[in-house]
């Protein structure tokens, strides 16, 4: 009995240390991210659900500065100026404008992509991979809310740079979303109007402006 108790204590202590190490690494990532004026990322995005035989792969890019961002993906540009969300679809010549309510958004948006893990999850160190000479440490995040739509997230972190290299999110239905960072640039010279929506320009170009609020 005493031996079993000692084994349980050892397992618990190991789990606690792992959680502390994972949290410490994530804190380093968060601190690093918040030290930059802006971040520009080129990425590959894949969606896979083996049960439904659904597989999709695309590339995109995003530029972030604080809460603001411009995301280009699947032929659509999404601009967020910290107040309004602008979804620009050139193929349809349409712009949809909506107010942003963070309380209604439970997904990992670009502005939260590098800091979303700061609350609402338990942490555990996972595998280490060598990617072209880079040591990538994965941390497994599990939502504290047992009713969350997300089953778990694997966050791959470059141990040297403390930058996020890969995010693998699995939902409760088994769909896996993978974002792999191809390039990660910081403090780039940006246009002063990058995060400003020019409505007149799109009206002149014949776009339909759809306001949801």
N, C-alpha and C. Protein backbone atom coordinates (compact mmCIF):
# COMPACT_ATOMS: atom_id res chain seq x y z
N UNK A 1 0.84 -1.21 0.00
CA UNK A 1 0.00 0.00 0.00
C UNK A 1 0.87 1.25 0.00
N UNK A 2 1.92 1.21 0.83
CA UNK A 2 2.82 2.35 0.93
C UNK A 2 3.50 2.62 -0.39
N UNK A 3 3.86 1.51 -1.08
CA UNK A 3 4.53 1.64 -2.38
C UNK A 3 3.61 2.29 -3.40
N UNK A 4 2.31 1.90 -3.39
CA UNK A 4 1.34 2.47 -4.32
C UNK A 4 1.18 3.97 -4.06
N UNK A 5 1.13 4.35 -2.78
CA UNK A 5 1.00 5.76 -2.41
C UNK A 5 2.19 6.56 -2.92
N UNK A 6 3.39 5.99 -2.76
CA UNK A 6 4.62 6.67 -3.21
C UNK A 6 4.62 6.85 -4.73
N UNK A 7 4.13 5.80 -5.43
CA UNK A 7 4.06 5.88 -6.90
C UNK A 7 3.08 6.98 -7.32
N UNK A 8 1.92 7.04 -6.64
CA UNK A 8 0.91 8.07 -6.95
C UNK A 8 1.47 9.47 -6.70
N UNK A 9 2.21 9.61 -5.60
CA UNK A 9 2.82 10.90 -5.27
C UNK A 9 3.83 11.29 -6.34
N UNK A 10 4.63 10.31 -6.79
CA UNK A 10 5.66 10.57 -7.81
C UNK A 10 5.01 11.00 -9.12
N UNK A 11 3.92 10.32 -9.51
CA UNK A 11 3.21 10.66 -10.74
C UNK A 11 2.62 12.07 -10.66
N UNK A 12 2.01 12.37 -9.50
CA UNK A 12 1.41 13.69 -9.30
C UNK A 12 2.46 14.79 -9.34
N UNK A 13 3.61 14.53 -8.70
CA UNK A 13 4.71 15.51 -8.68
C UNK A 13 5.24 15.75 -10.09
N UNK A 14 5.38 14.64 -10.86
CA UNK A 14 5.87 14.73 -12.23
C UNK A 14 4.90 15.55 -13.09
N UNK A 15 3.59 15.30 -12.92
CA UNK A 15 2.58 16.04 -13.68
C UNK A 15 2.60 17.51 -13.34
N UNK A 16 2.80 17.83 -12.05
CA UNK A 16 2.85 19.22 -11.60
C UNK A 16 4.05 19.94 -12.20
N UNK A 17 5.20 19.26 -12.19
CA UNK A 17 6.43 19.85 -12.75
C UNK A 17 6.26 20.08 -14.25
N UNK A 18 5.67 19.09 -14.93
CA UNK A 18 5.43 19.23 -16.38
C UNK A 18 4.54 20.42 -16.67
N UNK A 19 3.47 20.58 -15.89
CA UNK A 19 2.55 21.69 -16.09
C UNK A 19 3.25 23.02 -15.85
N UNK A 20 4.10 23.06 -14.83
CA UNK A 20 4.85 24.29 -14.51
C UNK A 20 5.82 24.63 -15.63
N UNK A 21 6.51 23.60 -16.15
CA UNK A 21 7.47 23.82 -17.24
C UNK A 21 6.75 24.31 -18.50
N UNK A 22 5.58 23.70 -18.78
CA UNK A 22 4.80 24.10 -19.96
C UNK A 22 4.32 25.54 -19.81
N UNK A 23 3.83 25.88 -18.64
CA UNK A 23 3.34 27.23 -18.38
C UNK A 23 4.48 28.24 -18.49
N UNK A 24 5.63 27.87 -17.99
CA UNK A 24 6.80 28.75 -18.04
C UNK A 24 7.21 29.03 -19.49
N UNK A 25 7.20 27.98 -20.32
CA UNK A 25 7.55 28.14 -21.73
C UNK A 25 6.54 29.03 -22.45
N UNK A 26 5.26 28.82 -22.17
CA UNK A 26 4.22 29.64 -22.78
C UNK A 26 4.32 31.10 -22.35
N UNK A 27 4.69 31.33 -21.11
CA UNK A 27 4.89 32.70 -20.61
C UNK A 27 6.02 33.39 -21.38
N UNK A 28 7.07 32.63 -21.68
CA UNK A 28 8.19 33.18 -22.44
C UNK A 28 7.73 33.57 -23.85
N UNK A 29 6.90 32.71 -24.45
CA UNK A 29 6.37 32.99 -25.79
C UNK A 29 5.53 34.26 -25.76
N UNK A 30 4.65 34.36 -24.76
CA UNK A 30 3.77 35.52 -24.63
C UNK A 30 4.57 36.80 -24.45
N UNK A 31 5.56 36.76 -23.59
CA UNK A 31 6.41 37.94 -23.34
C UNK A 31 7.12 38.37 -24.62
N UNK A 32 7.62 37.40 -25.38
CA UNK A 32 8.34 37.69 -26.63
C UNK A 32 7.40 38.34 -27.64
N UNK A 33 6.21 37.76 -27.79
CA UNK A 33 5.24 38.26 -28.76
C UNK A 33 4.84 39.70 -28.45
N UNK A 34 4.60 39.98 -27.18
CA UNK A 34 4.15 41.32 -26.77
C UNK A 34 5.25 42.37 -26.86
N UNK A 35 6.48 41.94 -27.07
CA UNK A 35 7.59 42.90 -27.17
C UNK A 35 7.71 43.49 -28.58
N UNK A 36 6.99 42.92 -29.55
CA UNK A 36 7.09 43.39 -30.93
C UNK A 36 6.03 44.44 -31.24
N UNK A 37 6.40 45.40 -32.08
CA UNK A 37 5.43 46.41 -32.55
C UNK A 37 4.44 45.78 -33.52
N UNK A 38 4.94 44.88 -34.36
CA UNK A 38 4.07 44.18 -35.31
C UNK A 38 4.70 42.85 -35.69
N UNK A 39 3.87 41.97 -36.22
CA UNK A 39 4.31 40.64 -36.63
C UNK A 39 3.67 40.32 -37.97
N UNK A 40 4.46 39.79 -38.90
CA UNK A 40 3.95 39.36 -40.20
C UNK A 40 4.24 37.87 -40.36
N UNK A 41 3.20 37.10 -40.66
CA UNK A 41 3.33 35.64 -40.74
C UNK A 41 2.78 35.13 -42.06
N UNK A 42 3.56 34.28 -42.73
CA UNK A 42 3.08 33.50 -43.87
C UNK A 42 2.87 32.08 -43.35
N UNK A 43 1.74 31.46 -43.71
CA UNK A 43 1.45 30.16 -43.12
C UNK A 43 0.75 29.22 -44.09
N UNK A 44 0.80 27.94 -43.73
CA UNK A 44 0.02 26.91 -44.43
C UNK A 44 -1.08 26.46 -43.48
N UNK A 45 -2.30 26.31 -44.00
CA UNK A 45 -3.44 25.94 -43.18
C UNK A 45 -4.09 24.69 -43.76
N UNK A 46 -4.28 23.68 -42.93
CA UNK A 46 -4.93 22.46 -43.40
C UNK A 46 -6.09 22.10 -42.49
N UNK A 47 -7.12 21.52 -43.09
CA UNK A 47 -8.28 21.03 -42.36
C UNK A 47 -8.46 19.57 -42.76
N UNK A 48 -8.63 18.70 -41.76
CA UNK A 48 -8.76 17.28 -42.06
C UNK A 48 -9.76 16.61 -41.14
N UNK A 49 -10.69 15.88 -41.73
CA UNK A 49 -11.62 15.06 -40.97
C UNK A 49 -11.73 13.72 -41.68
N UNK A 50 -11.03 12.72 -41.15
CA UNK A 50 -10.97 11.40 -41.78
C UNK A 50 -12.35 10.74 -41.84
N UNK A 51 -13.16 10.93 -40.80
CA UNK A 51 -14.47 10.30 -40.76
C UNK A 51 -15.38 10.81 -41.87
N UNK A 52 -15.29 12.10 -42.14
CA UNK A 52 -16.14 12.70 -43.17
C UNK A 52 -15.45 12.75 -44.53
N UNK A 53 -14.21 12.25 -44.57
CA UNK A 53 -13.40 12.26 -45.80
C UNK A 53 -13.26 13.68 -46.36
N UNK A 54 -12.98 14.61 -45.45
CA UNK A 54 -12.81 16.01 -45.83
C UNK A 54 -11.36 16.43 -45.60
N UNK A 55 -10.76 16.99 -46.62
CA UNK A 55 -9.38 17.45 -46.51
C UNK A 55 -9.21 18.72 -47.34
N UNK A 56 -8.60 19.72 -46.75
CA UNK A 56 -8.44 21.01 -47.43
C UNK A 56 -7.11 21.62 -47.02
N UNK A 57 -6.42 22.21 -47.97
CA UNK A 57 -5.14 22.86 -47.67
C UNK A 57 -5.06 24.19 -48.41
N UNK A 58 -4.58 25.20 -47.74
CA UNK A 58 -4.43 26.51 -48.38
C UNK A 58 -3.28 27.26 -47.70
N UNK A 59 -2.91 28.34 -48.30
CA UNK A 59 -1.88 29.21 -47.72
C UNK A 59 -2.47 30.59 -47.46
N UNK A 60 -1.84 31.29 -46.55
CA UNK A 60 -2.32 32.63 -46.24
C UNK A 60 -1.24 33.45 -45.58
N UNK A 61 -1.57 34.69 -45.28
CA UNK A 61 -0.65 35.55 -44.56
C UNK A 61 -1.44 36.50 -43.67
N UNK A 62 -0.82 36.91 -42.60
CA UNK A 62 -1.47 37.82 -41.66
C UNK A 62 -0.44 38.79 -41.10
N UNK A 63 -0.86 40.04 -40.95
CA UNK A 63 -0.03 41.06 -40.30
C UNK A 63 -0.79 41.54 -39.08
N UNK A 64 -0.12 41.53 -37.93
CA UNK A 64 -0.74 41.89 -36.67
C UNK A 64 0.00 43.02 -35.99
N UNK A 65 -0.77 43.89 -35.34
CA UNK A 65 -0.20 44.95 -34.51
C UNK A 65 -1.18 45.19 -33.37
N UNK A 66 -0.84 44.70 -32.19
CA UNK A 66 -1.77 44.77 -31.07
C UNK A 66 -3.00 43.96 -31.39
N UNK A 67 -4.19 44.55 -31.27
CA UNK A 67 -5.44 43.86 -31.58
C UNK A 67 -5.76 43.92 -33.08
N UNK A 68 -5.12 44.80 -33.80
CA UNK A 68 -5.42 44.99 -35.21
C UNK A 68 -4.74 43.93 -36.07
N UNK A 69 -5.40 43.59 -37.19
CA UNK A 69 -4.77 42.65 -38.11
C UNK A 69 -5.38 42.74 -39.50
N UNK A 70 -4.61 42.25 -40.48
CA UNK A 70 -5.08 42.05 -41.84
C UNK A 70 -4.75 40.62 -42.21
N UNK A 71 -5.77 39.84 -42.54
CA UNK A 71 -5.61 38.43 -42.87
C UNK A 71 -6.03 38.18 -44.31
N UNK A 72 -5.15 37.55 -45.09
CA UNK A 72 -5.45 37.17 -46.47
C UNK A 72 -5.48 35.65 -46.55
N UNK A 73 -6.66 35.10 -46.94
CA UNK A 73 -6.80 33.65 -46.97
C UNK A 73 -8.02 33.26 -47.80
N UNK A 74 -7.87 32.23 -48.61
CA UNK A 74 -8.96 31.71 -49.44
C UNK A 74 -9.61 32.80 -50.30
N UNK A 75 -8.79 33.70 -50.82
CA UNK A 75 -9.29 34.74 -51.70
C UNK A 75 -10.06 35.85 -51.01
N UNK A 76 -9.99 35.87 -49.69
CA UNK A 76 -10.72 36.88 -48.91
C UNK A 76 -9.75 37.64 -48.02
N UNK A 77 -9.99 38.93 -47.88
CA UNK A 77 -9.20 39.74 -46.95
C UNK A 77 -10.08 40.13 -45.77
N UNK A 78 -9.59 39.86 -44.57
CA UNK A 78 -10.30 40.26 -43.36
C UNK A 78 -9.46 41.30 -42.64
N UNK A 79 -10.05 42.47 -42.43
CA UNK A 79 -9.35 43.58 -41.77
C UNK A 79 -10.06 43.87 -40.45
N UNK A 80 -9.30 43.96 -39.39
CA UNK A 80 -9.87 44.31 -38.09
C UNK A 80 -9.12 45.52 -37.54
N UNK A 81 -9.85 46.61 -37.29
CA UNK A 81 -9.21 47.85 -36.83
C UNK A 81 -9.38 48.06 -35.32
N UNK A 82 -9.67 46.98 -34.61
CA UNK A 82 -9.87 46.97 -33.16
C UNK A 82 -11.29 47.37 -32.75
N UNK A 83 -12.10 47.76 -33.74
CA UNK A 83 -13.51 48.09 -33.47
C UNK A 83 -14.44 47.34 -34.41
N UNK A 84 -14.15 47.45 -35.70
CA UNK A 84 -14.99 46.81 -36.72
C UNK A 84 -14.22 45.73 -37.48
N UNK A 85 -14.99 44.76 -37.97
CA UNK A 85 -14.44 43.70 -38.80
C UNK A 85 -14.91 43.93 -40.23
N UNK A 86 -13.96 43.93 -41.17
CA UNK A 86 -14.27 44.15 -42.58
C UNK A 86 -13.86 42.88 -43.36
N UNK A 87 -14.83 42.24 -43.97
CA UNK A 87 -14.55 41.05 -44.77
C UNK A 87 -14.71 41.43 -46.24
N UNK A 88 -13.60 41.40 -46.97
CA UNK A 88 -13.56 41.88 -48.35
C UNK A 88 -13.42 40.69 -49.29
N UNK A 89 -14.41 40.52 -50.17
CA UNK A 89 -14.42 39.39 -51.11
C UNK A 89 -14.39 39.92 -52.53
N UNK A 90 -13.21 40.02 -53.15
CA UNK A 90 -13.10 40.59 -54.50
C UNK A 90 -13.92 39.83 -55.54
N UNK A 91 -14.02 38.50 -55.40
CA UNK A 91 -14.76 37.70 -56.38
C UNK A 91 -16.23 38.11 -56.45
N UNK A 92 -16.79 38.46 -55.30
CA UNK A 92 -18.20 38.88 -55.24
C UNK A 92 -18.35 40.39 -55.25
N UNK A 93 -17.23 41.11 -55.22
CA UNK A 93 -17.23 42.58 -55.12
C UNK A 93 -18.13 43.02 -53.97
N UNK A 94 -17.86 42.47 -52.82
CA UNK A 94 -18.67 42.76 -51.64
C UNK A 94 -17.79 42.93 -50.40
N UNK A 95 -18.21 43.86 -49.55
CA UNK A 95 -17.55 44.06 -48.26
C UNK A 95 -18.61 43.94 -47.17
N UNK A 96 -18.35 43.10 -46.17
CA UNK A 96 -19.26 42.96 -45.04
C UNK A 96 -18.62 43.61 -43.83
N UNK A 97 -19.36 44.52 -43.20
CA UNK A 97 -18.85 45.25 -42.04
C UNK A 97 -19.67 44.87 -40.81
N UNK A 98 -18.97 44.51 -39.74
CA UNK A 98 -19.67 44.14 -38.50
C UNK A 98 -18.89 44.62 -37.29
N UNK A 99 -19.61 44.92 -36.22
CA UNK A 99 -18.98 45.26 -34.96
C UNK A 99 -18.40 44.00 -34.34
N UNK A 100 -17.30 44.15 -33.65
CA UNK A 100 -16.67 42.98 -33.04
C UNK A 100 -17.00 42.92 -31.56
N UNK A 101 -17.53 41.79 -31.13
CA UNK A 101 -17.83 41.56 -29.72
C UNK A 101 -16.99 40.39 -29.23
N UNK A 102 -15.93 40.65 -28.45
CA UNK A 102 -15.05 39.57 -28.00
C UNK A 102 -15.75 38.52 -27.17
N UNK A 103 -16.85 38.89 -26.53
CA UNK A 103 -17.59 37.92 -25.70
C UNK A 103 -18.33 36.89 -26.54
N UNK A 104 -18.58 37.25 -27.81
CA UNK A 104 -19.28 36.32 -28.70
C UNK A 104 -18.32 35.44 -29.50
N UNK A 105 -17.05 35.77 -29.42
CA UNK A 105 -16.06 35.07 -30.25
C UNK A 105 -15.24 34.11 -29.41
N UNK A 106 -15.48 32.83 -29.58
CA UNK A 106 -14.75 31.82 -28.81
C UNK A 106 -13.68 31.13 -29.66
N UNK A 107 -13.55 31.55 -30.90
CA UNK A 107 -12.55 30.94 -31.77
C UNK A 107 -11.20 31.63 -31.60
N UNK A 108 -10.17 31.00 -32.17
CA UNK A 108 -8.83 31.57 -32.08
C UNK A 108 -8.63 32.49 -33.29
N UNK A 109 -8.91 33.78 -33.11
CA UNK A 109 -8.77 34.76 -34.18
C UNK A 109 -7.29 35.14 -34.33
N UNK A 110 -6.92 35.77 -35.47
CA UNK A 110 -5.53 36.17 -35.64
C UNK A 110 -4.98 37.01 -34.49
N UNK A 111 -5.79 37.93 -33.96
CA UNK A 111 -5.29 38.79 -32.88
C UNK A 111 -5.09 38.03 -31.57
N UNK A 112 -5.71 36.85 -31.48
CA UNK A 112 -5.53 36.03 -30.27
C UNK A 112 -4.62 34.83 -30.52
N UNK A 113 -4.22 34.63 -31.76
CA UNK A 113 -3.52 33.41 -32.13
C UNK A 113 -2.25 33.17 -31.32
N UNK A 114 -1.56 34.23 -30.97
CA UNK A 114 -0.28 34.09 -30.28
C UNK A 114 -0.38 34.24 -28.77
N UNK A 115 -1.60 34.49 -28.25
CA UNK A 115 -1.76 34.67 -26.80
C UNK A 115 -3.00 34.00 -26.24
N UNK A 116 -3.76 33.27 -27.09
CA UNK A 116 -5.05 32.71 -26.66
C UNK A 116 -4.92 31.77 -25.47
N UNK A 117 -3.75 31.15 -25.32
CA UNK A 117 -3.54 30.10 -24.33
C UNK A 117 -3.36 30.64 -22.90
N UNK A 118 -3.39 31.95 -22.75
CA UNK A 118 -3.06 32.52 -21.44
C UNK A 118 -4.10 32.19 -20.36
N UNK A 119 -5.29 31.83 -20.77
CA UNK A 119 -6.29 31.44 -19.77
C UNK A 119 -7.27 30.45 -20.38
N UNK A 120 -7.86 29.60 -19.52
CA UNK A 120 -8.87 28.66 -19.97
C UNK A 120 -8.37 27.27 -20.31
N UNK A 121 -7.07 27.01 -20.09
CA UNK A 121 -6.51 25.72 -20.46
C UNK A 121 -5.62 25.14 -19.35
N UNK A 122 -5.50 23.82 -19.35
CA UNK A 122 -4.47 23.16 -18.55
C UNK A 122 -3.33 22.82 -19.51
N UNK A 123 -2.12 22.70 -18.99
CA UNK A 123 -0.94 22.56 -19.84
C UNK A 123 -0.17 21.29 -19.52
N UNK A 124 0.46 20.74 -20.55
CA UNK A 124 1.28 19.55 -20.38
C UNK A 124 2.33 19.49 -21.49
N UNK A 125 3.57 19.23 -21.12
CA UNK A 125 4.61 19.08 -22.13
C UNK A 125 4.31 17.85 -22.99
N UNK A 126 4.54 17.96 -24.31
CA UNK A 126 4.30 16.85 -25.21
C UNK A 126 5.62 16.51 -25.92
N UNK A 127 5.54 16.05 -27.16
CA UNK A 127 6.73 15.58 -27.87
C UNK A 127 7.65 16.73 -28.29
N UNK A 128 8.88 16.38 -28.61
CA UNK A 128 9.85 17.31 -29.18
C UNK A 128 10.18 16.83 -30.59
N UNK A 129 10.15 17.73 -31.55
CA UNK A 129 10.50 17.38 -32.93
C UNK A 129 11.68 18.20 -33.41
N UNK A 130 12.46 17.62 -34.31
CA UNK A 130 13.55 18.34 -34.96
C UNK A 130 13.09 18.68 -36.37
N UNK A 131 12.89 19.96 -36.63
CA UNK A 131 12.41 20.41 -37.94
C UNK A 131 13.51 21.23 -38.61
N UNK A 132 14.19 20.60 -39.56
CA UNK A 132 15.29 21.26 -40.28
C UNK A 132 16.28 21.93 -39.32
N UNK A 133 16.67 21.18 -38.29
CA UNK A 133 17.66 21.67 -37.35
C UNK A 133 17.09 22.53 -36.23
N UNK A 134 15.79 22.76 -36.25
CA UNK A 134 15.14 23.55 -35.19
C UNK A 134 14.47 22.61 -34.20
N UNK A 135 14.66 22.88 -32.93
CA UNK A 135 14.03 22.07 -31.89
C UNK A 135 12.65 22.65 -31.59
N UNK A 136 11.61 21.86 -31.89
CA UNK A 136 10.24 22.29 -31.68
C UNK A 136 9.63 21.52 -30.51
N UNK A 137 9.34 22.22 -29.43
CA UNK A 137 8.72 21.63 -28.25
C UNK A 137 7.21 21.83 -28.32
N UNK A 138 6.49 20.73 -28.28
CA UNK A 138 5.02 20.82 -28.30
C UNK A 138 4.47 20.84 -26.88
N UNK A 139 3.46 21.69 -26.69
CA UNK A 139 2.74 21.76 -25.42
C UNK A 139 1.29 21.41 -25.71
N UNK A 140 0.74 20.49 -24.92
CA UNK A 140 -0.66 20.10 -25.11
C UNK A 140 -1.55 20.93 -24.19
N UNK A 141 -2.55 21.57 -24.80
CA UNK A 141 -3.49 22.39 -24.05
C UNK A 141 -4.86 21.71 -24.07
N UNK A 142 -5.47 21.58 -22.92
CA UNK A 142 -6.80 21.00 -22.81
C UNK A 142 -7.72 22.01 -22.15
N UNK A 143 -8.86 22.32 -22.78
CA UNK A 143 -9.78 23.31 -22.20
C UNK A 143 -10.25 22.90 -20.80
N UNK A 144 -10.30 23.85 -19.91
CA UNK A 144 -10.81 23.59 -18.55
C UNK A 144 -12.31 23.32 -18.61
N UNK A 145 -13.00 23.99 -19.53
CA UNK A 145 -14.43 23.80 -19.72
C UNK A 145 -14.67 22.46 -20.44
N UNK A 146 -15.27 21.52 -19.76
CA UNK A 146 -15.50 20.18 -20.33
C UNK A 146 -16.49 20.20 -21.48
N UNK A 147 -17.25 21.28 -21.62
CA UNK A 147 -18.22 21.41 -22.71
C UNK A 147 -17.69 22.20 -23.90
N UNK A 148 -16.41 22.51 -23.87
CA UNK A 148 -15.81 23.30 -24.94
C UNK A 148 -15.84 22.55 -26.27
N UNK A 149 -15.99 23.29 -27.36
CA UNK A 149 -16.01 22.67 -28.68
C UNK A 149 -14.64 22.14 -29.08
N UNK A 150 -13.60 22.68 -28.45
CA UNK A 150 -12.23 22.24 -28.72
C UNK A 150 -11.89 21.07 -27.81
N UNK A 151 -11.39 19.98 -28.40
CA UNK A 151 -10.96 18.82 -27.60
C UNK A 151 -9.59 19.10 -27.00
N UNK A 152 -8.64 19.46 -27.83
CA UNK A 152 -7.30 19.81 -27.35
C UNK A 152 -6.55 20.57 -28.43
N UNK A 153 -5.44 21.17 -28.03
CA UNK A 153 -4.59 21.93 -28.95
C UNK A 153 -3.13 21.55 -28.68
N UNK A 154 -2.40 21.29 -29.73
CA UNK A 154 -0.96 21.08 -29.62
C UNK A 154 -0.28 22.33 -30.18
N UNK A 155 0.54 22.95 -29.37
CA UNK A 155 1.23 24.18 -29.75
C UNK A 155 2.71 23.88 -29.87
N UNK A 156 3.24 23.97 -31.09
CA UNK A 156 4.66 23.71 -31.32
C UNK A 156 5.45 25.00 -31.23
N UNK A 157 6.44 25.03 -30.35
CA UNK A 157 7.21 26.25 -30.07
C UNK A 157 8.68 26.04 -30.40
N UNK A 158 9.24 26.98 -31.16
CA UNK A 158 10.67 26.95 -31.45
C UNK A 158 11.41 27.30 -30.16
N UNK A 159 12.14 26.35 -29.63
CA UNK A 159 12.78 26.53 -28.31
C UNK A 159 13.77 27.68 -28.31
N UNK A 160 14.45 27.92 -29.43
CA UNK A 160 15.46 28.98 -29.48
C UNK A 160 14.84 30.37 -29.60
N UNK A 161 13.91 30.54 -30.53
CA UNK A 161 13.34 31.87 -30.77
C UNK A 161 12.14 32.19 -29.88
N UNK A 162 11.52 31.13 -29.30
CA UNK A 162 10.28 31.28 -28.52
C UNK A 162 9.13 31.79 -29.38
N UNK A 163 9.16 31.43 -30.67
CA UNK A 163 8.09 31.75 -31.59
C UNK A 163 7.24 30.51 -31.82
N UNK A 164 5.94 30.70 -32.05
CA UNK A 164 5.06 29.57 -32.36
C UNK A 164 5.33 29.12 -33.79
N UNK A 165 5.57 27.82 -33.95
CA UNK A 165 5.84 27.26 -35.28
C UNK A 165 4.62 26.53 -35.82
N UNK A 166 3.89 25.85 -34.95
CA UNK A 166 2.74 25.08 -35.42
C UNK A 166 1.64 25.05 -34.37
N UNK A 167 0.38 25.09 -34.85
CA UNK A 167 -0.78 24.97 -33.99
C UNK A 167 -1.68 23.88 -34.57
N UNK A 168 -1.96 22.86 -33.77
CA UNK A 168 -2.83 21.76 -34.21
C UNK A 168 -4.03 21.71 -33.27
N UNK A 169 -5.19 22.07 -33.80
CA UNK A 169 -6.41 22.11 -32.98
C UNK A 169 -7.34 20.99 -33.41
N UNK A 170 -7.80 20.19 -32.44
CA UNK A 170 -8.75 19.12 -32.71
C UNK A 170 -10.05 19.43 -31.99
N UNK A 171 -11.15 19.39 -32.74
CA UNK A 171 -12.43 19.70 -32.09
C UNK A 171 -13.13 18.42 -31.62
N UNK A 172 -14.25 18.60 -30.97
CA UNK A 172 -14.97 17.47 -30.37
C UNK A 172 -15.47 16.48 -31.41
N UNK A 173 -15.62 16.92 -32.66
CA UNK A 173 -16.11 16.04 -33.72
C UNK A 173 -14.98 15.35 -34.47
N UNK A 174 -13.74 15.61 -34.05
CA UNK A 174 -12.60 14.94 -34.67
C UNK A 174 -11.95 15.68 -35.81
N UNK A 175 -12.46 16.87 -36.13
CA UNK A 175 -11.84 17.67 -37.20
C UNK A 175 -10.56 18.30 -36.68
N UNK A 176 -9.51 18.17 -37.47
CA UNK A 176 -8.20 18.69 -37.07
C UNK A 176 -7.82 19.88 -37.96
N UNK A 177 -7.47 20.99 -37.32
CA UNK A 177 -7.05 22.20 -38.02
C UNK A 177 -5.57 22.43 -37.69
N UNK A 178 -4.75 22.51 -38.73
CA UNK A 178 -3.31 22.68 -38.52
C UNK A 178 -2.81 23.94 -39.20
N UNK A 179 -2.15 24.79 -38.44
CA UNK A 179 -1.53 26.00 -38.98
C UNK A 179 -0.02 25.88 -38.78
N UNK A 180 0.70 25.91 -39.91
CA UNK A 180 2.16 25.82 -39.87
C UNK A 180 2.77 27.12 -40.35
N UNK A 181 3.62 27.71 -39.55
CA UNK A 181 4.25 28.99 -39.90
C UNK A 181 5.42 28.77 -40.85
N UNK A 182 5.34 29.39 -42.02
CA UNK A 182 6.43 29.30 -43.00
C UNK A 182 7.45 30.41 -42.79
N UNK A 183 6.97 31.60 -42.43
CA UNK A 183 7.90 32.70 -42.13
C UNK A 183 7.29 33.57 -41.03
N UNK A 184 8.15 34.07 -40.16
CA UNK A 184 7.72 34.86 -39.00
C UNK A 184 8.62 36.08 -38.93
N UNK A 185 8.08 37.24 -39.34
CA UNK A 185 8.86 38.48 -39.37
C UNK A 185 8.30 39.46 -38.35
N UNK A 186 9.18 40.24 -37.76
CA UNK A 186 8.75 41.18 -36.73
C UNK A 186 9.24 42.60 -37.02
N UNK A 187 8.48 43.55 -36.48
CA UNK A 187 8.84 44.97 -36.56
C UNK A 187 9.17 45.42 -37.98
N UNK A 188 8.25 45.08 -38.90
CA UNK A 188 8.41 45.47 -40.29
C UNK A 188 7.87 46.89 -40.52
N UNK A 189 8.41 47.63 -41.51
CA UNK A 189 7.85 48.95 -41.82
C UNK A 189 6.48 48.77 -42.45
N UNK A 190 5.44 49.29 -41.82
CA UNK A 190 4.07 49.13 -42.30
C UNK A 190 3.48 50.46 -42.73
N UNK A 191 2.58 50.41 -43.71
CA UNK A 191 1.86 51.61 -44.12
C UNK A 191 0.98 52.09 -42.97
N UNK A 192 0.88 53.40 -42.81
CA UNK A 192 0.06 53.97 -41.74
C UNK A 192 -1.42 53.67 -41.93
N UNK A 193 -1.80 53.32 -43.17
CA UNK A 193 -3.21 53.07 -43.46
C UNK A 193 -3.51 51.57 -43.60
N UNK A 194 -2.56 50.73 -43.23
CA UNK A 194 -2.74 49.29 -43.41
C UNK A 194 -4.00 48.77 -42.72
N UNK A 195 -4.27 49.27 -41.52
CA UNK A 195 -5.41 48.78 -40.75
C UNK A 195 -6.62 49.73 -40.82
N UNK A 196 -6.63 50.56 -41.87
CA UNK A 196 -7.73 51.51 -42.06
C UNK A 196 -8.55 51.11 -43.28
N UNK A 197 -9.86 51.00 -43.11
CA UNK A 197 -10.73 50.64 -44.23
C UNK A 197 -11.17 51.89 -44.98
N UNK A 198 -10.88 51.92 -46.26
CA UNK A 198 -11.24 53.06 -47.11
C UNK A 198 -12.54 52.73 -47.85
N UNK A 199 -13.67 53.09 -47.26
CA UNK A 199 -14.96 52.75 -47.83
C UNK A 199 -15.18 53.40 -49.20
N UNK A 200 -14.75 54.64 -49.33
CA UNK A 200 -14.95 55.36 -50.59
C UNK A 200 -14.27 54.64 -51.76
N UNK A 201 -13.10 54.09 -51.50
CA UNK A 201 -12.35 53.38 -52.54
C UNK A 201 -13.15 52.19 -53.07
N UNK A 202 -13.73 51.42 -52.15
CA UNK A 202 -14.47 50.23 -52.57
C UNK A 202 -15.80 50.60 -53.24
N UNK A 203 -16.41 51.68 -52.80
CA UNK A 203 -17.64 52.14 -53.45
C UNK A 203 -17.35 52.59 -54.88
N UNK A 204 -16.22 53.29 -55.04
CA UNK A 204 -15.82 53.74 -56.38
C UNK A 204 -15.54 52.55 -57.30
N UNK A 205 -15.08 51.46 -56.71
CA UNK A 205 -14.77 50.26 -57.49
C UNK A 205 -16.01 49.39 -57.72
N UNK A 206 -17.16 49.85 -57.24
CA UNK A 206 -18.40 49.13 -57.50
C UNK A 206 -18.74 48.04 -56.49
N UNK A 207 -18.07 48.02 -55.36
CA UNK A 207 -18.34 47.00 -54.34
C UNK A 207 -19.67 47.29 -53.61
N UNK A 208 -20.37 46.23 -53.26
CA UNK A 208 -21.55 46.35 -52.43
C UNK A 208 -21.11 46.33 -50.97
N UNK A 209 -21.54 47.32 -50.19
CA UNK A 209 -21.17 47.42 -48.78
C UNK A 209 -22.32 46.88 -47.93
N UNK A 210 -22.07 45.79 -47.26
CA UNK A 210 -23.09 45.12 -46.46
C UNK A 210 -22.81 45.36 -44.97
N UNK A 211 -23.64 46.14 -44.32
CA UNK A 211 -23.47 46.45 -42.90
C UNK A 211 -24.38 45.55 -42.06
N UNK A 212 -23.79 44.80 -41.16
CA UNK A 212 -24.57 43.88 -40.32
C UNK A 212 -25.06 44.53 -39.05
N UNK A 213 -24.48 45.66 -38.66
CA UNK A 213 -24.89 46.33 -37.42
C UNK A 213 -25.45 47.72 -37.71
